[in-house]
């Protein structure tokens, strides 16, 4: 996206915006980067997220989250024929090496799926 000359907007999770805010700030302070090409829009999904999805000048949406919200985004994005990429309901990869304690790895893998679920 940025290599093509487009600008980007990151809409971080409502309850965890600080990492995105800091990364965008660091990006914009990097030598040779034009400030403002990458931006961060923290806020609630129904306000900030839907404003991005509905805005006619936003041409692409990439979303990671629940299937319920993904369906809502897909439906709303169709009004302006936006391209969308959805990563829905999956879990991160979990690599278990040969020398690992298998019982502990199974317990960790099962529990990690619920770590950030509220």
C-alpha atoms as a PDB file:
ATOM      1  CA  UNK A   1       0.000   0.000   0.000  1.00  0.00           C
ATOM      2  CA  UNK A   2       2.566   2.586   1.054  1.00  0.00           C
ATOM      3  CA  UNK A   3       4.972   1.501  -1.695  1.00  0.00           C
ATOM      4  CA  UNK A   4       2.276   2.288  -4.255  1.00  0.00           C
ATOM      5  CA  UNK A   5       1.937   5.866  -3.016  1.00  0.00           C
ATOM      6  CA  UNK A   6      -1.312   5.339  -1.151  1.00  0.00           C
ATOM      7  CA  UNK A   7      -1.907   6.512   2.400  1.00  0.00           C
ATOM      8  CA  UNK A   8      -2.933   4.186   5.195  1.00  0.00           C
ATOM      9  CA  UNK A   9      -5.115   4.429   8.262  1.00  0.00           C
ATOM     10  CA  UNK A  10      -4.838   1.977  11.126  1.00  0.00           C
ATOM     11  CA  UNK A  11      -7.989   1.622  13.244  1.00  0.00           C
ATOM     12  CA  UNK A  12      -6.712  -0.254  16.313  1.00  0.00           C
ATOM     13  CA  UNK A  13      -8.822  -2.385  18.648  1.00  0.00           C
ATOM     14  CA  UNK A  14     -10.968  -0.279  20.963  1.00  0.00           C
ATOM     15  CA  UNK A  15      -9.413  -1.630  24.145  1.00  0.00           C
ATOM     16  CA  UNK A  16      -5.813  -1.763  22.921  1.00  0.00           C
ATOM     17  CA  UNK A  17      -4.945   1.323  20.841  1.00  0.00           C
ATOM     18  CA  UNK A  18      -1.568   2.223  22.362  1.00  0.00           C
ATOM     19  CA  UNK A  19       0.612  -0.154  20.342  1.00  0.00           C
ATOM     20  CA  UNK A  20      -0.818   1.083  17.042  1.00  0.00           C
ATOM     21  CA  UNK A  21      -0.532   4.710  18.119  1.00  0.00           C
ATOM     22  CA  UNK A  22       3.129   4.223  19.076  1.00  0.00           C
ATOM     23  CA  UNK A  23       4.021   2.299  15.889  1.00  0.00           C
ATOM     24  CA  UNK A  24       2.455   4.955  13.666  1.00  0.00           C
ATOM     25  CA  UNK A  25       4.238   7.673  15.657  1.00  0.00           C
ATOM     26  CA  UNK A  26       7.593   5.893  15.247  1.00  0.00           C
ATOM     27  CA  UNK A  27       6.914   5.363  11.529  1.00  0.00           C
ATOM     28  CA  UNK A  28       6.175   9.041  11.015  1.00  0.00           C
ATOM     29  CA  UNK A  29       9.390  10.023  12.829  1.00  0.00           C
ATOM     30  CA  UNK A  30      11.530   7.733  10.659  1.00  0.00           C
ATOM     31  CA  UNK A  31      14.008   9.522   8.410  1.00  0.00           C
ATOM     32  CA  UNK A  32      12.870   9.607   4.797  1.00  0.00           C
ATOM     33  CA  UNK A  33       9.207   8.927   5.582  1.00  0.00           C
ATOM     34  CA  UNK A  34       6.661  11.563   4.674  1.00  0.00           C
ATOM     35  CA  UNK A  35       4.692  12.317   7.858  1.00  0.00           C
ATOM     36  CA  UNK A  36       0.989  11.675   7.546  1.00  0.00           C
ATOM     37  CA  UNK A  37       1.211   8.897   4.967  1.00  0.00           C
ATOM     38  CA  UNK A  38       0.428   6.383   7.717  1.00  0.00           C
ATOM     39  CA  UNK A  39      -2.171   7.441  10.276  1.00  0.00           C
ATOM     40  CA  UNK A  40      -3.930   5.982  13.296  1.00  0.00           C
ATOM     41  CA  UNK A  41      -7.627   6.447  14.046  1.00  0.00           C
ATOM     42  CA  UNK A  42      -8.453   5.084  17.496  1.00  0.00           C
ATOM     43  CA  UNK A  43     -12.092   4.881  18.475  1.00  0.00           C
ATOM     44  CA  UNK A  44     -15.080   2.643  18.800  1.00  0.00           C
ATOM     45  CA  UNK A  45     -15.953   0.363  15.904  1.00  0.00           C
ATOM     46  CA  UNK A  46     -19.484   1.683  15.399  1.00  0.00           C
ATOM     47  CA  UNK A  47     -18.164   5.234  15.042  1.00  0.00           C
ATOM     48  CA  UNK A  48     -14.562   5.193  13.784  1.00  0.00           C
ATOM     49  CA  UNK A  49     -14.613   1.823  12.035  1.00  0.00           C
ATOM     50  CA  UNK A  50     -17.901   2.299  10.259  1.00  0.00           C
ATOM     51  CA  UNK A  51     -16.899   5.818   9.195  1.00  0.00           C
ATOM     52  CA  UNK A  52     -13.890   4.305   7.410  1.00  0.00           C
ATOM     53  CA  UNK A  53     -15.959   1.546   5.826  1.00  0.00           C
ATOM     54  CA  UNK A  54     -18.627   3.983   4.643  1.00  0.00           C
ATOM     55  CA  UNK A  55     -16.331   6.770   3.422  1.00  0.00           C
ATOM     56  CA  UNK A  56     -16.315   6.974  -0.402  1.00  0.00           C
ATOM     57  CA  UNK A  57     -12.600   7.893  -0.594  1.00  0.00           C
ATOM     58  CA  UNK A  58     -11.468   4.761   1.310  1.00  0.00           C
ATOM     59  CA  UNK A  59     -10.839   2.158  -1.384  1.00  0.00           C
ATOM     60  CA  UNK A  60      -9.647  -0.875   0.611  1.00  0.00           C
ATOM     61  CA  UNK A  61     -10.477  -2.317   4.034  1.00  0.00           C
ATOM     62  CA  UNK A  62      -8.501  -5.053   5.786  1.00  0.00           C
ATOM     63  CA  UNK A  63     -10.106  -6.398   8.966  1.00  0.00           C
ATOM     64  CA  UNK A  64      -9.101  -8.983  11.540  1.00  0.00           C
ATOM     65  CA  UNK A  65     -11.764 -10.019  14.012  1.00  0.00           C
ATOM     66  CA  UNK A  66     -15.070 -11.783  14.428  1.00  0.00           C
ATOM     67  CA  UNK A  67     -17.207 -13.238  11.686  1.00  0.00           C
ATOM     68  CA  UNK A  68     -20.181 -11.179  12.870  1.00  0.00           C
ATOM     69  CA  UNK A  69     -18.345  -7.876  12.372  1.00  0.00           C
ATOM     70  CA  UNK A  70     -16.733  -9.165   9.159  1.00  0.00           C
ATOM     71  CA  UNK A  71     -20.202  -9.757   7.683  1.00  0.00           C
ATOM     72  CA  UNK A  72     -21.236  -6.247   8.684  1.00  0.00           C
ATOM     73  CA  UNK A  73     -18.124  -4.764   7.065  1.00  0.00           C
ATOM     74  CA  UNK A  74     -18.630  -6.783   3.883  1.00  0.00           C
ATOM     75  CA  UNK A  75     -22.234  -5.654   3.626  1.00  0.00           C
ATOM     76  CA  UNK A  76     -21.439  -1.969   4.218  1.00  0.00           C
ATOM     77  CA  UNK A  77     -18.372  -2.018   1.946  1.00  0.00           C
ATOM     78  CA  UNK A  78     -20.498  -3.275  -0.930  1.00  0.00           C
ATOM     79  CA  UNK A  79     -22.256   0.103  -1.062  1.00  0.00           C
ATOM     80  CA  UNK A  80     -19.083   1.722  -2.419  1.00  0.00           C
ATOM     81  CA  UNK A  81     -17.593  -1.412  -4.051  1.00  0.00           C
ATOM     82  CA  UNK A  82     -14.562  -1.394  -1.745  1.00  0.00           C
ATOM     83  CA  UNK A  83     -12.024  -4.160  -1.901  1.00  0.00           C
ATOM     84  CA  UNK A  84     -11.920  -6.008   1.408  1.00  0.00           C
ATOM     85  CA  UNK A  85      -9.699  -8.548   3.102  1.00  0.00           C
ATOM     86  CA  UNK A  86     -11.128 -10.380   6.105  1.00  0.00           C
ATOM     87  CA  UNK A  87      -9.246 -12.542   8.615  1.00  0.00           C
ATOM     88  CA  UNK A  88     -12.049 -13.961  10.698  1.00  0.00           C
ATOM     89  CA  UNK A  89     -12.153 -16.092  13.794  1.00  0.00           C
ATOM     90  CA  UNK A  90      -8.810 -17.799  13.349  1.00  0.00           C
ATOM     91  CA  UNK A  91      -6.179 -18.439  15.962  1.00  0.00           C
ATOM     92  CA  UNK A  92      -2.480 -17.746  15.669  1.00  0.00           C
ATOM     93  CA  UNK A  93      -0.108 -20.568  14.802  1.00  0.00           C
ATOM     94  CA  UNK A  94       1.366 -22.551  17.651  1.00  0.00           C
ATOM     95  CA  UNK A  95       4.658 -24.312  17.024  1.00  0.00           C
ATOM     96  CA  UNK A  96       5.655 -27.211  19.267  1.00  0.00           C
ATOM     97  CA  UNK A  97       9.266 -28.361  18.983  1.00  0.00           C
ATOM     98  CA  UNK A  98      10.410 -31.962  19.376  1.00  0.00           C
ATOM     99  CA  UNK A  99      11.959 -31.338  22.800  1.00  0.00           C
ATOM    100  CA  UNK A 100       8.876 -29.596  24.261  1.00  0.00           C
ATOM    101  CA  UNK A 101       6.797 -30.868  27.174  1.00  0.00           C
ATOM    102  CA  UNK A 102       3.776 -32.013  25.138  1.00  0.00           C
ATOM    103  CA  UNK A 103       1.276 -31.891  28.026  1.00  0.00           C
ATOM    104  CA  UNK A 104       2.295 -28.321  28.851  1.00  0.00           C
ATOM    105  CA  UNK A 105       2.165 -27.326  25.161  1.00  0.00           C
ATOM    106  CA  UNK A 106      -1.387 -28.679  24.844  1.00  0.00           C
ATOM    107  CA  UNK A 107      -2.497 -26.760  27.954  1.00  0.00           C
ATOM    108  CA  UNK A 108      -0.882 -23.543  26.681  1.00  0.00           C
ATOM    109  CA  UNK A 109      -2.367 -23.905  23.212  1.00  0.00           C
ATOM    110  CA  UNK A 110      -5.852 -24.454  24.641  1.00  0.00           C
ATOM    111  CA  UNK A 111      -5.586 -21.482  27.019  1.00  0.00           C
ATOM    112  CA  UNK A 112      -4.018 -19.020  24.549  1.00  0.00           C
ATOM    113  CA  UNK A 113      -7.211 -19.026  22.498  1.00  0.00           C
ATOM    114  CA  UNK A 114      -8.976 -17.301  25.382  1.00  0.00           C
ATOM    115  CA  UNK A 115      -6.209 -14.952  26.575  1.00  0.00           C
ATOM    116  CA  UNK A 116      -7.574 -11.779  24.969  1.00  0.00           C
ATOM    117  CA  UNK A 117     -11.246 -12.716  24.835  1.00  0.00           C
ATOM    118  CA  UNK A 118     -12.351 -10.326  27.567  1.00  0.00           C
END
